[in-house]
Protein backbone atom coordinates (compact mmCIF):
# COMPACT_ATOMS: atom_id res chain seq x y z
CA UNK A 1 30.30 -7.65 42.12
CA UNK A 2 31.70 -11.18 41.77
CA UNK A 3 31.66 -13.14 38.52
CA UNK A 4 28.89 -15.38 39.85
CA UNK A 5 26.81 -12.37 40.88
CA UNK A 6 27.37 -10.80 37.46
CA UNK A 7 26.20 -14.01 35.76
CA UNK A 8 23.02 -14.06 37.84
CA UNK A 9 22.29 -10.47 36.84
CA UNK A 10 22.50 -11.35 33.13
CA UNK A 11 20.02 -14.24 33.33
CA UNK A 12 16.28 -13.67 33.51
CA UNK A 13 14.70 -16.65 35.22
CA UNK A 14 11.41 -18.02 33.93
CA UNK A 15 8.46 -17.14 36.12
CA UNK A 16 6.69 -20.15 37.60
CA UNK A 17 3.43 -19.12 35.92
CA UNK A 18 4.90 -19.38 32.40
CA UNK A 19 3.69 -22.51 30.63
CA UNK A 20 6.56 -24.55 29.25
CA UNK A 21 4.76 -27.75 28.26
CA UNK A 22 3.27 -26.69 24.93
CA UNK A 23 2.24 -30.10 23.68
CA UNK A 24 -1.33 -29.98 22.28
CA UNK A 25 -1.40 -26.20 22.79
CA UNK A 26 -1.83 -23.36 20.32
CA UNK A 27 1.63 -21.83 20.18
CA UNK A 28 3.00 -18.56 18.85
CA UNK A 29 4.47 -20.38 15.86
CA UNK A 30 1.27 -22.28 15.24
CA UNK A 31 -0.95 -19.22 15.44
CA UNK A 32 1.26 -17.35 12.94
CA UNK A 33 1.82 -20.43 10.77
CA UNK A 34 5.54 -19.77 11.02
CA UNK A 35 6.48 -23.17 9.69
CA UNK A 36 5.08 -22.23 6.29
CA UNK A 37 6.01 -18.55 6.52
CA UNK A 38 9.68 -19.11 7.33
CA UNK A 39 10.02 -21.83 4.72
CA UNK A 40 8.42 -19.76 1.94
CA UNK A 41 11.74 -18.32 0.73
CA UNK A 42 13.08 -20.27 -2.24
CA UNK A 43 16.15 -18.68 -3.85
CA UNK A 44 16.53 -19.65 -7.52
CA UNK A 45 20.21 -18.81 -8.00
CA UNK A 46 22.62 -21.73 -8.29
CA UNK A 47 24.82 -21.76 -6.37
CA UNK A 48 22.57 -19.85 -4.01
CA UNK A 49 23.61 -16.21 -3.79
CA UNK A 50 23.80 -14.78 -0.28
CA UNK A 51 21.82 -11.62 -1.11
CA UNK A 52 18.90 -13.30 -2.86
CA UNK A 53 17.29 -13.97 0.53
CA UNK A 54 17.25 -10.22 1.21
CA UNK A 55 15.52 -9.62 -2.12
CA UNK A 56 12.87 -12.27 -1.45
CA UNK A 57 12.16 -11.25 2.16
CA UNK A 58 11.92 -7.57 1.16
CA UNK A 59 9.21 -8.30 -1.38
CA UNK A 60 7.38 -10.88 0.71
CA UNK A 61 7.10 -8.53 3.67
CA UNK A 62 5.95 -5.76 1.34
CA UNK A 63 3.18 -8.02 0.08
CA UNK A 64 2.08 -8.73 3.66
CA UNK A 65 1.85 -5.01 4.37
CA UNK A 66 0.00 -4.48 1.08
CA UNK A 67 -2.47 -7.15 2.15
CA UNK A 68 -3.18 -5.28 5.37
CA UNK A 69 -3.38 -1.91 3.61
CA UNK A 70 -5.90 -3.29 1.13
CA UNK A 71 -7.91 -4.79 4.00
CA UNK A 72 -8.03 -1.40 5.74
CA UNK A 73 -8.83 0.60 2.60
CA UNK A 74 -11.76 -1.64 1.73
CA UNK A 75 -13.02 -1.36 5.31
CA UNK A 76 -12.67 2.43 5.20
CA UNK A 77 -14.62 2.52 1.94
CA UNK A 78 -17.46 0.52 3.46
CA UNK A 79 -17.44 2.70 6.58
CA UNK A 80 -17.89 5.78 4.39
CA UNK A 81 -20.78 4.11 2.58
CA UNK A 82 -22.34 3.40 5.97
CA UNK A 83 -21.70 6.97 7.20
CA UNK A 84 -19.25 5.75 9.85
CA UNK A 85 -16.72 8.51 9.21
CA UNK A 86 -14.84 8.16 12.49
CA UNK A 87 -14.10 4.49 11.94
CA UNK A 88 -13.05 5.19 8.35
CA UNK A 89 -10.56 7.73 9.66
CA UNK A 90 -9.19 5.11 12.06
CA UNK A 91 -8.63 2.74 9.14
CA UNK A 92 -6.91 5.47 7.13
CA UNK A 93 -4.66 6.32 10.07
CA UNK A 94 -3.53 2.69 10.08
CA UNK A 95 -2.98 2.74 6.32
CA UNK A 96 -0.75 5.80 6.65
CA UNK A 97 1.44 4.04 9.19
CA UNK A 98 1.65 0.97 6.96
CA UNK A 99 2.73 3.22 4.11
CA UNK A 100 5.50 4.75 6.23
CA UNK A 101 6.80 1.26 6.96
CA UNK A 102 6.73 0.37 3.26
CA UNK A 103 8.57 3.57 2.35
CA UNK A 104 11.31 2.94 4.92
CA UNK A 105 11.76 -0.65 3.75
CA UNK A 106 13.38 0.59 0.55
CA UNK A 107 16.42 1.58 2.62
CA UNK A 108 17.01 -2.10 3.38
CA UNK A 109 16.88 -3.13 -0.27
CA UNK A 110 19.12 -0.20 -1.16
CA UNK A 111 21.97 -1.97 0.64
CA UNK A 112 22.02 -4.38 -2.30
CA UNK A 113 24.82 -3.21 -4.59
CA UNK A 114 24.59 -3.31 -8.41
CA UNK A 115 27.19 -6.08 -8.56
CA UNK A 116 25.43 -8.20 -5.94
CA UNK A 117 22.05 -7.93 -7.67
CA UNK A 118 23.55 -8.61 -11.10
CA UNK A 119 24.90 -11.92 -9.80
CA UNK A 120 21.39 -13.38 -9.28
CA UNK A 121 19.05 -11.11 -11.30
CA UNK A 122 18.80 -13.58 -14.16
CA UNK A 123 17.26 -16.07 -11.70
CA UNK A 124 14.13 -13.90 -11.61
CA UNK A 125 13.45 -14.62 -15.30
CA UNK A 126 10.23 -12.66 -16.07
CA UNK A 127 9.16 -12.18 -12.44
CA UNK A 128 8.59 -8.50 -11.65
CA UNK A 129 6.96 -6.35 -8.98
CA UNK A 130 4.88 -4.97 -11.85
CA UNK A 131 2.94 -8.23 -11.54
CA UNK A 132 1.86 -7.61 -7.92
CA UNK A 133 -1.92 -8.00 -7.93
CA UNK A 134 -2.22 -6.49 -4.46
CA UNK A 135 -0.48 -3.31 -5.59
CA UNK A 136 -2.89 -3.13 -8.53
CA UNK A 137 -5.81 -3.78 -6.18
CA UNK A 138 -4.81 -0.83 -4.00
CA UNK A 139 -4.49 1.40 -7.05
CA UNK A 140 -7.98 0.33 -8.14
CA UNK A 141 -9.47 1.08 -4.71
CA UNK A 142 -7.83 4.52 -4.77
CA UNK A 143 -9.06 5.30 -8.28
CA UNK A 144 -6.25 4.52 -10.72
CA UNK A 145 -8.21 1.94 -12.69
CA UNK A 146 -6.99 0.35 -15.90
CA UNK A 147 -8.91 -2.59 -17.34
CA UNK A 148 -5.87 -3.62 -19.38
CA UNK A 149 -4.09 -4.55 -16.17
CA UNK A 150 -6.41 -7.54 -15.90
CA UNK A 151 -4.55 -9.11 -18.82
CA UNK A 152 -1.58 -9.67 -16.54
CA UNK A 153 -3.60 -11.96 -14.26
CA UNK A 154 -5.50 -14.22 -16.65
CA UNK A 155 -3.37 -17.14 -15.43
CA UNK A 156 -4.27 -16.37 -11.80
CA UNK A 157 -8.09 -16.76 -11.48
CA UNK A 158 -8.23 -15.58 -7.87
CA UNK A 159 -6.26 -12.39 -8.53
CA UNK A 160 -8.18 -11.78 -11.77
CA UNK A 161 -11.51 -12.13 -9.96
CA UNK A 162 -10.47 -9.71 -7.21
CA UNK A 163 -9.27 -7.07 -9.64
CA UNK A 164 -12.38 -7.47 -11.80
CA UNK A 165 -14.54 -6.91 -8.73
CA UNK A 166 -12.57 -3.84 -7.66
CA UNK A 167 -12.61 -2.47 -11.20
CA UNK A 168 -16.41 -2.49 -11.17
CA UNK A 169 -16.86 -1.19 -7.63
CA UNK A 170 -16.80 2.43 -6.41
CA UNK A 171 -13.47 3.71 -5.17
CA UNK A 172 -12.65 5.06 -1.73
CA UNK A 173 -13.01 8.56 -3.19
CA UNK A 174 -16.42 7.70 -4.66
CA UNK A 175 -17.54 6.55 -1.21
CA UNK A 176 -16.33 9.79 0.36
CA UNK A 177 -18.13 11.91 -2.24
CA UNK A 178 -21.29 9.94 -1.56
CA UNK A 179 -20.96 10.74 2.14
CA UNK A 180 -20.51 14.43 1.28
CA UNK A 181 -23.67 14.37 -0.83
CA UNK A 182 -25.65 12.79 2.02
CA UNK A 183 -24.22 15.47 4.31
CA UNK A 184 -25.78 18.20 2.19
CA UNK A 185 -22.90 19.15 -0.10
CA UNK A 186 -23.88 19.67 -3.79
CA UNK A 187 -21.90 16.87 -5.40
CA UNK A 188 -23.18 16.67 -9.00
CA UNK A 189 -25.31 13.63 -9.77
CA UNK A 190 -23.23 12.75 -12.82
CA UNK A 191 -20.21 12.34 -10.54
CA UNK A 192 -22.12 10.19 -8.07
CA UNK A 193 -23.41 7.93 -10.86
CA UNK A 194 -20.25 7.83 -12.97
CA UNK A 195 -18.95 4.62 -14.58
CA UNK A 196 -16.80 3.15 -11.83
CA UNK A 197 -14.79 1.12 -14.32
CA UNK A 198 -13.21 4.32 -15.58
CA UNK A 199 -10.15 5.91 -13.95
CA UNK A 200 -10.83 9.07 -11.99
CA UNK A 201 -10.63 12.29 -13.97
CA UNK A 202 -10.38 15.80 -12.59
CA UNK A 203 -13.79 17.25 -11.74
CA UNK A 204 -13.74 21.08 -11.47
CA UNK A 205 -17.20 21.10 -9.84
CA UNK A 206 -15.73 19.50 -6.72
CA UNK A 207 -13.21 22.24 -6.04
CA UNK A 208 -15.75 24.78 -4.64
CA UNK A 209 -17.15 22.03 -2.39
CA UNK A 210 -13.75 21.30 -0.92
CA UNK A 211 -13.04 25.02 -0.62
CA UNK A 212 -16.17 25.34 1.50
CA UNK A 213 -15.01 22.50 3.75
CA UNK A 214 -11.54 23.98 4.14
CA UNK A 215 -12.57 27.61 4.64
CA UNK A 216 -15.79 27.33 6.64
CA UNK A 217 -15.57 27.27 10.43
CA UNK A 218 -18.96 25.56 10.41
CA UNK A 219 -17.93 22.55 8.35
CA UNK A 220 -17.71 19.36 10.46
CA UNK A 221 -14.14 18.75 11.55
CA UNK A 222 -14.36 15.11 10.49
CA UNK A 223 -14.86 16.09 6.84
CA UNK A 224 -11.79 18.32 6.90
CA UNK A 225 -9.83 15.54 8.59
CA UNK A 226 -10.98 13.08 5.93
CA UNK A 227 -9.82 15.39 3.16
CA UNK A 228 -6.39 15.72 4.76
CA UNK A 229 -6.18 11.97 5.39
CA UNK A 230 -6.79 11.30 1.70
CA UNK A 231 -4.04 13.77 0.83
CA UNK A 232 -1.75 12.02 3.31
CA UNK A 233 -2.45 8.66 1.67
CA UNK A 234 -1.67 10.05 -1.78
CA UNK A 235 1.49 11.81 -0.59
CA UNK A 236 2.70 8.59 1.02
CA UNK A 237 1.90 6.64 -2.13
CA UNK A 238 3.94 9.08 -4.18
CA UNK A 239 6.85 8.86 -1.72
CA UNK A 240 6.72 5.08 -2.01
CA UNK A 241 6.79 5.34 -5.81
CA UNK A 242 9.71 7.76 -5.68
CA UNK A 243 11.74 5.60 -3.29
CA UNK A 244 11.02 2.62 -5.52
CA UNK A 245 12.27 4.51 -8.56
CA UNK A 246 15.45 5.68 -6.81
CA UNK A 247 16.20 2.23 -5.41
CA UNK A 248 15.81 0.68 -8.86
CA UNK A 249 17.97 3.38 -10.44
CA UNK A 250 20.80 2.96 -7.95
CA UNK A 251 20.70 -0.83 -8.35
CA UNK A 252 20.24 -1.44 -12.10
CA UNK A 253 20.59 2.03 -13.61
CA UNK A 254 18.51 2.32 -16.78
CA UNK A 255 18.26 -1.37 -17.66
CA UNK A 256 14.89 -2.70 -18.77
CA UNK A 257 12.77 -4.35 -16.08
CA UNK A 258 12.58 -8.12 -15.69
CA UNK A 259 8.87 -7.92 -16.57
CA UNK A 260 9.61 -6.17 -19.88
CA UNK A 261 9.02 -2.53 -18.89
CA UNK A 262 11.45 0.27 -19.67
CA UNK A 263 12.47 0.25 -16.01
CA UNK A 264 13.20 3.64 -14.47
CA UNK A 265 11.45 5.48 -17.30
CA UNK A 266 8.27 3.50 -16.73
CA UNK A 267 8.41 4.09 -12.98
CA UNK A 268 8.94 7.82 -13.49
CA UNK A 269 5.68 8.08 -15.45
CA UNK A 270 3.80 6.76 -12.42
CA UNK A 271 4.79 9.89 -10.50
CA UNK A 272 2.40 11.86 -12.72
CA UNK A 273 -0.59 9.78 -11.62
CA UNK A 274 -2.92 11.24 -9.01
CA UNK A 275 -5.86 9.87 -7.05
CA UNK A 276 -7.50 12.97 -5.59
CA UNK A 277 -6.60 15.91 -7.87
CA UNK A 278 -9.34 18.22 -6.56
CA UNK A 279 -7.92 18.03 -3.04
CA UNK A 280 -4.68 19.50 -4.40
CA UNK A 281 -6.34 21.97 -6.77
CA UNK A 282 -8.38 23.51 -3.95
CA UNK A 283 -5.22 24.76 -2.26
CA UNK A 284 -4.75 27.30 -5.05
CA UNK A 285 -8.23 28.67 -4.38
CA UNK A 286 -8.10 28.95 -0.59
CA UNK A 287 -7.64 32.52 0.62
CA UNK A 288 -8.03 34.13 -2.80
């Protein structure tokens, strides 16, 4: 093959049907609002530190994925209320894939060495991931409610309003238990009418219900699949928390967090939180 032939092989010619005059047309960049998106990174270090862009992009992309996860979780909750179990499962399948992406993203941030981060960490001042309202919103939808968290967002009316709404609304788990009750399972009335502002607490009365779903060959497959999907979501959430903890520990050790928390110690306590404890407890009962 001659040099000229080799050059032709390495060039993909535009097809005649491809539109090249994009004046007055909706473009890829316009549809995605890339002008704003790609100019939304504003490093605060001076002189600007090379690795601060990594830190900003990591957290901005995480917030975009959290936005989509919240969107899907709220849709799944409504689908359960409307007895559309199959569509709820579709939403949860998407959430699980979003979670896997979020978990893997920590490996990118983990390339930031302790020295590199220390050179621009002071530029964050009091900014901290602890202040992510979307993360709190997802926790509220999943059942880890804490009214005190609203104090963090008094200065952000939109975030405060969203979290207040989610604090007062049923969780995804509440919606699933309601579907079970309408399907003939004896979910106690006091659980169905509980105060939704309160965090979920272990309910022993639910364990025999889940045991019936897991052990009975007559139980609808969709209910079993929903139980396992909820466990998948919690497992992924815990993996995300663990990867977060380990990334923080390898980057700043046991320093206090920029938001005032104890840092690694505070993150470690989150690993004890659970959304669906009965779905784990039932495993001890199955087959006994």
